[in-house]
Amino acid sequence: LLRYACGATAAGVVAGPAGAEAQGLA
């Protein structure tokens, strides 16, 4: 959660519906 909050994890745009599940909170 701290990595997510600081923007250290992937903050970009998912490529399509298949990426939604893996994207999670980050």
mmCIF file of all heavy atoms, coordinates in Angstrom:
data_MODEL
# 
_entry.id   MODEL 
# 
loop_
_atom_site.group_PDB 
_atom_site.id 
_atom_site.type_symbol 
_atom_site.label_atom_id 
_atom_site.label_alt_id 
_atom_site.label_comp_id 
_atom_site.label_asym_id 
_atom_site.label_entity_id 
_atom_site.label_seq_id 
_atom_site.pdbx_PDB_ins_code 
_atom_site.Cartn_x 
_atom_site.Cartn_y 
_atom_site.Cartn_z 
_atom_site.occupancy 
_atom_site.B_iso_or_equiv 
_atom_site.pdbx_formal_charge 
_atom_site.auth_seq_id 
_atom_site.auth_comp_id 
_atom_site.auth_asym_id 
_atom_site.auth_atom_id 
_atom_site.pdbx_PDB_model_num 
ATOM 1   N N   . LEU A 1 1  ? 0.824   -1.202  0.000   1.00 0.00 ? 1  LEU A N   1 
ATOM 2   C CA  . LEU A 1 1  ? 0.000   0.000   0.000   1.00 0.00 ? 1  LEU A CA  1 
ATOM 3   C C   . LEU A 1 1  ? 0.861   1.256   0.000   1.00 0.00 ? 1  LEU A C   1 
ATOM 4   O O   . LEU A 1 1  ? 0.554   2.234   -0.674  1.00 0.00 ? 1  LEU A O   1 
ATOM 5   C CB  . LEU A 1 1  ? -0.931  -0.002  1.207   1.00 0.00 ? 1  LEU A CB  1 
ATOM 6   C CG  . LEU A 1 1  ? -2.118  -0.970  1.134   1.00 0.00 ? 1  LEU A CG  1 
ATOM 7   C CD1 . LEU A 1 1  ? -2.840  -1.017  2.470   1.00 0.00 ? 1  LEU A CD1 1 
ATOM 8   C CD2 . LEU A 1 1  ? -3.074  -0.573  0.030   1.00 0.00 ? 1  LEU A CD2 1 
ATOM 9   N N   . LEU A 1 2  ? 1.961   1.249   0.748   1.00 0.00 ? 2  LEU A N   1 
ATOM 10  C CA  . LEU A 1 2  ? 2.857   2.400   0.777   1.00 0.00 ? 2  LEU A CA  1 
ATOM 11  C C   . LEU A 1 2  ? 3.488   2.631   -0.592  1.00 0.00 ? 2  LEU A C   1 
ATOM 12  O O   . LEU A 1 2  ? 3.631   3.756   -1.051  1.00 0.00 ? 2  LEU A O   1 
ATOM 13  C CB  . LEU A 1 2  ? 3.941   2.208   1.833   1.00 0.00 ? 2  LEU A CB  1 
ATOM 14  C CG  . LEU A 1 2  ? 3.533   2.531   3.271   1.00 0.00 ? 2  LEU A CG  1 
ATOM 15  C CD1 . LEU A 1 2  ? 4.595   2.069   4.253   1.00 0.00 ? 2  LEU A CD1 1 
ATOM 16  C CD2 . LEU A 1 2  ? 3.280   4.016   3.431   1.00 0.00 ? 2  LEU A CD2 1 
ATOM 17  N N   . ARG A 1 3  ? 3.889   1.554   -1.257  1.00 0.00 ? 3  ARG A N   1 
ATOM 18  C CA  . ARG A 1 3  ? 4.454   1.699   -2.610  1.00 0.00 ? 3  ARG A CA  1 
ATOM 19  C C   . ARG A 1 3  ? 3.402   2.244   -3.562  1.00 0.00 ? 3  ARG A C   1 
ATOM 20  O O   . ARG A 1 3  ? 3.687   3.089   -4.404  1.00 0.00 ? 3  ARG A O   1 
ATOM 21  C CB  . ARG A 1 3  ? 4.991   0.352   -3.106  1.00 0.00 ? 3  ARG A CB  1 
ATOM 22  C CG  . ARG A 1 3  ? 6.291   -0.068  -2.439  1.00 0.00 ? 3  ARG A CG  1 
ATOM 23  C CD  . ARG A 1 3  ? 6.993   -1.146  -3.240  1.00 0.00 ? 3  ARG A CD  1 
ATOM 24  N NE  . ARG A 1 3  ? 6.179   -2.342  -3.359  1.00 0.00 ? 3  ARG A NE  1 
ATOM 25  C CZ  . ARG A 1 3  ? 6.195   -3.337  -2.480  1.00 0.00 ? 3  ARG A CZ  1 
ATOM 26  N NH1 . ARG A 1 3  ? 6.981   -3.269  -1.415  1.00 0.00 ? 3  ARG A NH1 1 
ATOM 27  N NH2 . ARG A 1 3  ? 5.437   -4.407  -2.649  1.00 0.00 ? 3  ARG A NH2 1 
ATOM 28  N N   . TYR A 1 4  ? 2.193   1.753   -3.440  1.00 0.00 ? 4  TYR A N   1 
ATOM 29  C CA  . TYR A 1 4  ? 1.104   2.272   -4.278  1.00 0.00 ? 4  TYR A CA  1 
ATOM 30  C C   . TYR A 1 4  ? 0.872   3.753   -4.013  1.00 0.00 ? 4  TYR A C   1 
ATOM 31  O O   . TYR A 1 4  ? 0.754   4.565   -4.926  1.00 0.00 ? 4  TYR A O   1 
ATOM 32  C CB  . TYR A 1 4  ? -0.177  1.493   -3.995  1.00 0.00 ? 4  TYR A CB  1 
ATOM 33  C CG  . TYR A 1 4  ? -1.434  2.221   -4.423  1.00 0.00 ? 4  TYR A CG  1 
ATOM 34  C CD1 . TYR A 1 4  ? -1.763  2.335   -5.771  1.00 0.00 ? 4  TYR A CD1 1 
ATOM 35  C CD2 . TYR A 1 4  ? -2.274  2.822   -3.487  1.00 0.00 ? 4  TYR A CD2 1 
ATOM 36  C CE1 . TYR A 1 4  ? -2.901  3.011   -6.174  1.00 0.00 ? 4  TYR A CE1 1 
ATOM 37  C CE2 . TYR A 1 4  ? -3.406  3.504   -3.878  1.00 0.00 ? 4  TYR A CE2 1 
ATOM 38  C CZ  . TYR A 1 4  ? -3.719  3.589   -5.221  1.00 0.00 ? 4  TYR A CZ  1 
ATOM 39  O OH  . TYR A 1 4  ? -4.836  4.271   -5.609  1.00 0.00 ? 4  TYR A OH  1 
ATOM 40  N N   . ALA A 1 5  ? 0.826   4.117   -2.730  1.00 0.00 ? 5  ALA A N   1 
ATOM 41  C CA  . ALA A 1 5  ? 0.525   5.493   -2.363  1.00 0.00 ? 5  ALA A CA  1 
ATOM 42  C C   . ALA A 1 5  ? 1.588   6.460   -2.861  1.00 0.00 ? 5  ALA A C   1 
ATOM 43  O O   . ALA A 1 5  ? 1.290   7.585   -3.242  1.00 0.00 ? 5  ALA A O   1 
ATOM 44  C CB  . ALA A 1 5  ? 0.394   5.611   -0.847  1.00 0.00 ? 5  ALA A CB  1 
ATOM 45  N N   . CYS A 1 6  ? 2.847   6.012   -2.872  1.00 0.00 ? 6  CYS A N   1 
ATOM 46  C CA  . CYS A 1 6  ? 3.934   6.879   -3.330  1.00 0.00 ? 6  CYS A CA  1 
ATOM 47  C C   . CYS A 1 6  ? 4.067   6.870   -4.839  1.00 0.00 ? 6  CYS A C   1 
ATOM 48  O O   . CYS A 1 6  ? 4.895   7.582   -5.400  1.00 0.00 ? 6  CYS A O   1 
ATOM 49  C CB  . CYS A 1 6  ? 5.249   6.441   -2.699  1.00 0.00 ? 6  CYS A CB  1 
ATOM 50  S SG  . CYS A 1 6  ? 5.384   6.917   -0.964  1.00 0.00 ? 6  CYS A SG  1 
ATOM 51  N N   . GLY A 1 7  ? 3.294   6.015   -5.518  1.00 0.00 ? 7  GLY A N   1 
ATOM 52  C CA  . GLY A 1 7  ? 3.371   5.983   -6.972  1.00 0.00 ? 7  GLY A CA  1 
ATOM 53  C C   . GLY A 1 7  ? 4.509   5.130   -7.479  1.00 0.00 ? 7  GLY A C   1 
ATOM 54  O O   . GLY A 1 7  ? 4.911   5.233   -8.627  1.00 0.00 ? 7  GLY A O   1 
ATOM 55  N N   . ALA A 1 8  ? 5.073   4.263   -6.613  1.00 0.00 ? 8  ALA A N   1 
ATOM 56  C CA  . ALA A 1 8  ? 6.214   3.461   -7.037  1.00 0.00 ? 8  ALA A CA  1 
ATOM 57  C C   . ALA A 1 8  ? 5.796   2.283   -7.894  1.00 0.00 ? 8  ALA A C   1 
ATOM 58  O O   . ALA A 1 8  ? 6.569   1.771   -8.677  1.00 0.00 ? 8  ALA A O   1 
ATOM 59  C CB  . ALA A 1 8  ? 6.980   2.946   -5.813  1.00 0.00 ? 8  ALA A CB  1 
ATOM 60  N N   . THR A 1 9  ? 4.539   1.836   -7.762  1.00 0.00 ? 9  THR A N   1 
ATOM 61  C CA  . THR A 1 9  ? 4.060   0.750   -8.593  1.00 0.00 ? 9  THR A CA  1 
ATOM 62  C C   . THR A 1 9  ? 3.503   1.302   -9.880  1.00 0.00 ? 9  THR A C   1 
ATOM 63  O O   . THR A 1 9  ? 3.375   2.495   -10.062 1.00 0.00 ? 9  THR A O   1 
ATOM 64  C CB  . THR A 1 9  ? 2.966   -0.036  -7.852  1.00 0.00 ? 9  THR A CB  1 
ATOM 65  O OG1 . THR A 1 9  ? 2.012   0.899   -7.347  1.00 0.00 ? 9  THR A OG1 1 
ATOM 66  C CG2 . THR A 1 9  ? 3.547   -0.808  -6.689  1.00 0.00 ? 9  THR A CG2 1 
ATOM 67  N N   . ALA A 1 10 ? 3.171   0.428   -10.799 1.00 0.00 ? 10 ALA A N   1 
ATOM 68  C CA  . ALA A 1 10 ? 2.705   0.870   -12.114 1.00 0.00 ? 10 ALA A CA  1 
ATOM 69  C C   . ALA A 1 10 ? 1.492   1.758   -11.992 1.00 0.00 ? 10 ALA A C   1 
ATOM 70  O O   . ALA A 1 10 ? 0.479   1.365   -11.448 1.00 0.00 ? 10 ALA A O   1 
ATOM 71  C CB  . ALA A 1 10 ? 2.362   -0.348  -12.974 1.00 0.00 ? 10 ALA A CB  1 
ATOM 72  N N   . ALA A 1 11 ? 1.606   2.962   -12.507 1.00 0.00 ? 11 ALA A N   1 
ATOM 73  C CA  . ALA A 1 11 ? 0.513   3.931   -12.388 1.00 0.00 ? 11 ALA A CA  1 
ATOM 74  C C   . ALA A 1 11 ? -0.068  4.258   -13.740 1.00 0.00 ? 11 ALA A C   1 
ATOM 75  O O   . ALA A 1 11 ? -0.798  5.206   -13.907 1.00 0.00 ? 11 ALA A O   1 
ATOM 76  C CB  . ALA A 1 11 ? 1.018   5.211   -11.723 1.00 0.00 ? 11 ALA A CB  1 
ATOM 77  N N   . GLY A 1 12 ? 0.262   3.443   -14.723 1.00 0.00 ? 12 GLY A N   1 
ATOM 78  C CA  . GLY A 1 12 ? -0.142  3.762   -16.080 1.00 0.00 ? 12 GLY A CA  1 
ATOM 79  C C   . GLY A 1 12 ? -1.525  3.275   -16.408 1.00 0.00 ? 12 GLY A C   1 
ATOM 80  O O   . GLY A 1 12 ? -2.334  2.971   -15.541 1.00 0.00 ? 12 GLY A O   1 
ATOM 81  N N   . VAL A 1 13 ? -1.788  3.138   -17.680 1.00 0.00 ? 13 VAL A N   1 
ATOM 82  C CA  . VAL A 1 13 ? -3.107  2.762   -18.157 1.00 0.00 ? 13 VAL A CA  1 
ATOM 83  C C   . VAL A 1 13 ? -3.066  1.309   -18.596 1.00 0.00 ? 13 VAL A C   1 
ATOM 84  O O   . VAL A 1 13 ? -2.136  0.877   -19.267 1.00 0.00 ? 13 VAL A O   1 
ATOM 85  C CB  . VAL A 1 13 ? -3.498  3.640   -19.361 1.00 0.00 ? 13 VAL A CB  1 
ATOM 86  C CG1 . VAL A 1 13 ? -4.875  3.267   -19.854 1.00 0.00 ? 13 VAL A CG1 1 
ATOM 87  C CG2 . VAL A 1 13 ? -3.453  5.101   -18.971 1.00 0.00 ? 13 VAL A CG2 1 
ATOM 88  N N   . VAL A 1 14 ? -4.058  0.521   -18.194 1.00 0.00 ? 14 VAL A N   1 
ATOM 89  C CA  . VAL A 1 14 ? -4.101  -0.867  -18.619 1.00 0.00 ? 14 VAL A CA  1 
ATOM 90  C C   . VAL A 1 14 ? -4.358  -0.943  -20.111 1.00 0.00 ? 14 VAL A C   1 
ATOM 91  O O   . VAL A 1 14 ? -4.982  -0.074  -20.700 1.00 0.00 ? 14 VAL A O   1 
ATOM 92  C CB  . VAL A 1 14 ? -5.204  -1.640  -17.860 1.00 0.00 ? 14 VAL A CB  1 
ATOM 93  C CG1 . VAL A 1 14 ? -4.840  -1.764  -16.400 1.00 0.00 ? 14 VAL A CG1 1 
ATOM 94  C CG2 . VAL A 1 14 ? -6.551  -0.960  -17.996 1.00 0.00 ? 14 VAL A CG2 1 
ATOM 95  N N   . ALA A 1 15 ? -3.865  -2.025  -20.722 1.00 0.00 ? 15 ALA A N   1 
ATOM 96  C CA  . ALA A 1 15 ? -3.963  -2.132  -22.170 1.00 0.00 ? 15 ALA A CA  1 
ATOM 97  C C   . ALA A 1 15 ? -5.327  -2.613  -22.622 1.00 0.00 ? 15 ALA A C   1 
ATOM 98  O O   . ALA A 1 15 ? -5.733  -2.393  -23.754 1.00 0.00 ? 15 ALA A O   1 
ATOM 99  C CB  . ALA A 1 15 ? -2.894  -3.091  -22.686 1.00 0.00 ? 15 ALA A CB  1 
ATOM 100 N N   . GLY A 1 16 ? -6.045  -3.299  -21.785 1.00 0.00 ? 16 GLY A N   1 
ATOM 101 C CA  . GLY A 1 16 ? -7.342  -3.803  -22.195 1.00 0.00 ? 16 GLY A CA  1 
ATOM 102 C C   . GLY A 1 16 ? -7.993  -4.533  -21.042 1.00 0.00 ? 16 GLY A C   1 
ATOM 103 O O   . GLY A 1 16 ? -7.450  -4.596  -19.937 1.00 0.00 ? 16 GLY A O   1 
ATOM 104 N N   . PRO A 1 17 ? -9.153  -5.134  -21.242 1.00 0.00 ? 17 PRO A N   1 
ATOM 105 C CA  . PRO A 1 17 ? -9.851  -5.798  -20.152 1.00 0.00 ? 17 PRO A CA  1 
ATOM 106 C C   . PRO A 1 17 ? -9.021  -6.856  -19.467 1.00 0.00 ? 17 PRO A C   1 
ATOM 107 O O   . PRO A 1 17 ? -9.148  -7.076  -18.276 1.00 0.00 ? 17 PRO A O   1 
ATOM 108 C CB  . PRO A 1 17 ? -11.089 -6.400  -20.853 1.00 0.00 ? 17 PRO A CB  1 
ATOM 109 C CG  . PRO A 1 17 ? -11.298 -5.529  -22.053 1.00 0.00 ? 17 PRO A CG  1 
ATOM 110 C CD  . PRO A 1 17 ? -9.930  -5.116  -22.490 1.00 0.00 ? 17 PRO A CD  1 
ATOM 111 N N   . ALA A 1 18 ? -8.109  -7.528  -20.221 1.00 0.00 ? 18 ALA A N   1 
ATOM 112 C CA  . ALA A 1 18 ? -7.314  -8.585  -19.621 1.00 0.00 ? 18 ALA A CA  1 
ATOM 113 C C   . ALA A 1 18 ? -6.397  -8.058  -18.535 1.00 0.00 ? 18 ALA A C   1 
ATOM 114 O O   . ALA A 1 18 ? -5.978  -8.784  -17.646 1.00 0.00 ? 18 ALA A O   1 
ATOM 115 C CB  . ALA A 1 18 ? -6.483  -9.292  -20.690 1.00 0.00 ? 18 ALA A CB  1 
ATOM 116 N N   . GLY A 1 19 ? -6.062  -6.786  -18.607 1.00 0.00 ? 19 GLY A N   1 
ATOM 117 C CA  . GLY A 1 19 ? -5.151  -6.221  -17.623 1.00 0.00 ? 19 GLY A CA  1 
ATOM 118 C C   . GLY A 1 19 ? -5.829  -5.778  -16.352 1.00 0.00 ? 19 GLY A C   1 
ATOM 119 O O   . GLY A 1 19 ? -5.164  -5.457  -15.371 1.00 0.00 ? 19 GLY A O   1 
ATOM 120 N N   . ALA A 1 20 ? -7.154  -5.779  -16.321 1.00 0.00 ? 20 ALA A N   1 
ATOM 121 C CA  . ALA A 1 20 ? -7.858  -5.206  -15.186 1.00 0.00 ? 20 ALA A CA  1 
ATOM 122 C C   . ALA A 1 20 ? -7.661  -6.022  -13.917 1.00 0.00 ? 20 ALA A C   1 
ATOM 123 O O   . ALA A 1 20 ? -7.455  -5.487  -12.843 1.00 0.00 ? 20 ALA A O   1 
ATOM 124 C CB  . ALA A 1 20 ? -9.353  -5.087  -15.508 1.00 0.00 ? 20 ALA A CB  1 
ATOM 125 N N   . GLU A 1 21 ? -7.699  -7.360  -14.049 1.00 0.00 ? 21 GLU A N   1 
ATOM 126 C CA  . GLU A 1 21 ? -7.608  -8.195  -12.864 1.00 0.00 ? 21 GLU A CA  1 
ATOM 127 C C   . GLU A 1 21 ? -6.226  -8.094  -12.232 1.00 0.00 ? 21 GLU A C   1 
ATOM 128 O O   . GLU A 1 21 ? -6.096  -7.994  -11.024 1.00 0.00 ? 21 GLU A O   1 
ATOM 129 C CB  . GLU A 1 21 ? -7.906  -9.648  -13.252 1.00 0.00 ? 21 GLU A CB  1 
ATOM 130 C CG  . GLU A 1 21 ? -7.985  -10.569 -12.053 1.00 0.00 ? 21 GLU A CG  1 
ATOM 131 C CD  . GLU A 1 21 ? -8.431  -11.948 -12.459 1.00 0.00 ? 21 GLU A CD  1 
ATOM 132 O OE1 . GLU A 1 21 ? -9.120  -12.061 -13.488 1.00 0.00 ? 21 GLU A OE1 1 
ATOM 133 O OE2 . GLU A 1 21 ? -8.095  -12.897 -11.743 1.00 0.00 ? 21 GLU A OE2 1 
ATOM 134 N N   . ALA A 1 22 ? -5.176  -8.093  -13.059 1.00 0.00 ? 22 ALA A N   1 
ATOM 135 C CA  . ALA A 1 22 ? -3.822  -8.015  -12.543 1.00 0.00 ? 22 ALA A CA  1 
ATOM 136 C C   . ALA A 1 22 ? -3.498  -6.634  -12.001 1.00 0.00 ? 22 ALA A C   1 
ATOM 137 O O   . ALA A 1 22 ? -2.607  -6.480  -11.169 1.00 0.00 ? 22 ALA A O   1 
ATOM 138 C CB  . ALA A 1 22 ? -2.824  -8.379  -13.638 1.00 0.00 ? 22 ALA A CB  1 
ATOM 139 N N   . GLN A 1 23 ? -4.224  -5.662  -12.455 1.00 0.00 ? 23 GLN A N   1 
ATOM 140 C CA  . GLN A 1 23 ? -3.905  -4.294  -12.077 1.00 0.00 ? 23 GLN A CA  1 
ATOM 141 C C   . GLN A 1 23 ? -4.125  -4.042  -10.596 1.00 0.00 ? 23 GLN A C   1 
ATOM 142 O O   . GLN A 1 23 ? -3.328  -3.391  -9.940  1.00 0.00 ? 23 GLN A O   1 
ATOM 143 C CB  . GLN A 1 23 ? -4.773  -3.332  -12.891 1.00 0.00 ? 23 GLN A CB  1 
ATOM 144 C CG  . GLN A 1 23 ? -4.381  -1.878  -12.719 1.00 0.00 ? 23 GLN A CG  1 
ATOM 145 C CD  . GLN A 1 23 ? -5.269  -0.995  -13.542 1.00 0.00 ? 23 GLN A CD  1 
ATOM 146 O OE1 . GLN A 1 23 ? -6.242  -1.455  -14.112 1.00 0.00 ? 23 GLN A OE1 1 
ATOM 147 N NE2 . GLN A 1 23 ? -4.971  0.267   -13.596 1.00 0.00 ? 23 GLN A NE2 1 
ATOM 148 N N   . GLY A 1 24 ? -5.203  -4.546  -10.052 1.00 0.00 ? 24 GLY A N   1 
ATOM 149 C CA  . GLY A 1 24 ? -5.469  -4.438  -8.634  1.00 0.00 ? 24 GLY A CA  1 
ATOM 150 C C   . GLY A 1 24 ? -5.478  -3.012  -8.122  1.00 0.00 ? 24 GLY A C   1 
ATOM 151 O O   . GLY A 1 24 ? -5.887  -2.095  -8.809  1.00 0.00 ? 24 GLY A O   1 
ATOM 152 N N   . LEU A 1 25 ? -4.965  -2.842  -6.907  1.00 0.00 ? 25 LEU A N   1 
ATOM 153 C CA  . LEU A 1 25 ? -4.959  -1.525  -6.275  1.00 0.00 ? 25 LEU A CA  1 
ATOM 154 C C   . LEU A 1 25 ? -3.948  -0.594  -6.895  1.00 0.00 ? 25 LEU A C   1 
ATOM 155 O O   . LEU A 1 25 ? -4.058  0.610   -6.774  1.00 0.00 ? 25 LEU A O   1 
ATOM 156 C CB  . LEU A 1 25 ? -4.640  -1.680  -4.784  1.00 0.00 ? 25 LEU A CB  1 
ATOM 157 C CG  . LEU A 1 25 ? -5.677  -2.379  -3.923  1.00 0.00 ? 25 LEU A CG  1 
ATOM 158 C CD1 . LEU A 1 25 ? -5.124  -2.571  -2.521  1.00 0.00 ? 25 LEU A CD1 1 
ATOM 159 C CD2 . LEU A 1 25 ? -6.962  -1.565  -3.873  1.00 0.00 ? 25 LEU A CD2 1 
ATOM 160 N N   . ALA A 1 26 ? -2.912  -1.157  -7.560  1.00 0.00 ? 26 ALA A N   1 
ATOM 161 C CA  . ALA A 1 26 ? -1.780  -0.329  -7.966  1.00 0.00 ? 26 ALA A CA  1 
ATOM 162 C C   . ALA A 1 26 ? -1.942  0.295   -9.335  1.00 0.00 ? 26 ALA A C   1 
ATOM 163 O O   . ALA A 1 26 ? -1.055  0.962   -9.810  1.00 0.00 ? 26 ALA A O   1 
ATOM 164 C CB  . ALA A 1 26 ? -0.507  -1.181  -7.960  1.00 0.00 ? 26 ALA A CB  1 
# 
